[in-house]
Protein backbone atom coordinates (compact mmCIF):
# COMPACT_ATOMS: atom_id res chain seq x y z
CA MET A 1 33.13 -12.97 139.95
CA ILE A 2 33.68 -15.95 137.65
CA GLY A 3 34.77 -17.97 140.80
CA ALA A 4 31.77 -16.98 142.46
CA MET A 5 29.59 -17.85 139.44
CA ARG A 6 31.20 -21.28 139.38
CA VAL A 7 30.97 -22.23 142.89
CA VAL A 8 27.23 -22.42 142.62
CA ALA A 9 27.19 -23.71 138.98
CA GLY A 10 25.57 -20.34 137.70
CA VAL A 11 25.70 -19.34 133.83
CA GLY A 12 25.66 -15.65 134.53
CA LEU A 13 26.44 -13.41 137.34
CA ALA A 14 26.07 -9.35 137.59
CA ALA A 15 28.42 -7.40 139.77
CA PRO A 16 25.67 -6.15 142.29
CA GLN A 17 24.73 -9.60 143.18
CA VAL A 18 28.25 -9.97 145.02
CA GLY A 19 28.23 -6.52 146.21
CA VAL A 20 30.41 -5.20 143.49
CA LEU A 21 29.37 -1.83 142.31
CA PRO A 22 30.77 -1.63 138.67
CA ARG A 23 28.66 -2.49 135.62
CA VAL A 24 30.04 -5.99 134.78
CA ALA A 25 28.42 -9.22 134.09
CA VAL A 26 29.81 -12.65 133.09
CA ILE A 27 28.36 -15.25 131.13
CA GLU A 28 29.81 -18.76 130.84
CA MET A 29 27.71 -21.10 128.79
CA LEU A 30 30.52 -23.55 127.76
CA GLU A 31 33.04 -24.51 130.24
CA ASP A 32 36.23 -22.38 130.25
CA GLU A 33 34.62 -19.68 127.81
CA VAL A 34 33.84 -16.88 129.68
CA ILE A 35 32.16 -13.73 128.24
CA VAL A 36 33.05 -10.56 130.29
CA LEU A 37 30.87 -7.51 129.67
CA ILE A 38 31.60 -4.12 131.12
CA ASN A 39 28.91 -1.42 130.94
CA PRO A 40 26.43 -3.91 129.24
CA GLU A 41 23.48 -2.27 127.42
CA ILE A 42 20.63 -4.01 125.87
CA VAL A 43 20.29 -2.12 122.38
CA LYS A 44 17.77 -4.48 120.56
CA LYS A 45 15.09 -7.12 121.74
CA GLN A 46 12.61 -9.15 120.32
CA GLY A 47 9.69 -11.49 121.47
CA GLU A 48 9.14 -12.64 125.00
CA ARG A 49 9.30 -16.35 126.59
CA LEU A 50 8.41 -17.60 129.92
CA VAL A 51 11.56 -19.49 131.34
CA GLN A 52 12.54 -20.80 134.86
CA GLU A 53 15.47 -18.90 136.21
CA GLY A 54 17.44 -19.15 139.49
CA CYS A 55 19.14 -16.31 141.36
CA LEU A 56 22.46 -16.41 142.78
CA SER A 57 21.71 -13.85 145.34
CA ILE A 58 18.99 -16.49 146.94
CA LEU A 59 20.41 -19.94 146.30
CA GLY A 60 17.74 -22.46 145.65
CA CYS A 61 15.19 -20.00 144.45
CA GLN A 62 13.81 -20.73 140.88
CA GLU A 63 10.92 -18.46 139.48
CA ASP A 64 9.07 -18.37 136.14
CA ILE A 65 10.23 -15.02 134.65
CA ASN A 66 9.42 -13.52 131.39
CA ARG A 67 12.59 -12.86 128.92
CA SER A 68 13.28 -11.75 125.56
CA VAL A 69 13.60 -14.45 122.93
CA TRP A 70 16.40 -12.78 121.56
CA VAL A 71 18.73 -9.80 122.35
CA LYS A 72 21.50 -7.55 121.11
CA VAL A 73 24.21 -5.94 123.79
CA LYS A 74 26.89 -3.64 123.40
CA ALA A 75 29.37 -3.32 125.79
CA GLU A 76 33.10 -3.36 126.51
CA ASP A 77 35.53 -6.38 126.97
CA ARG A 78 38.36 -6.60 129.52
CA GLN A 79 40.61 -4.53 127.01
CA GLY A 80 38.24 -1.92 126.52
CA TRP A 81 37.17 -2.90 123.39
CA ASP A 82 33.63 -2.28 122.23
CA VAL A 83 31.92 -5.72 121.66
CA ARG A 84 28.40 -6.41 120.44
CA ILE A 85 26.88 -9.90 121.40
CA LYS A 86 23.69 -11.60 120.27
CA GLY A 87 21.97 -13.93 121.95
């Protein structure tokens, strides 16, 4: 999944976008700093803002979409440890 995300210079990818059924997401905001989230779940969110976002399933497609300003996510990392991420 990380390779597929990098091929198109994406910053995030969910497994179903590339035909993988487990609930996995990868995020890379800084080069070579990949966050892997297994079974991610949003546990808290605040605010709303309009952002332009692309989709790796439909290359070249950009749309305005409402997203939370801030979210807290719980998931497992690659080693099976519980993690919480805010962003």
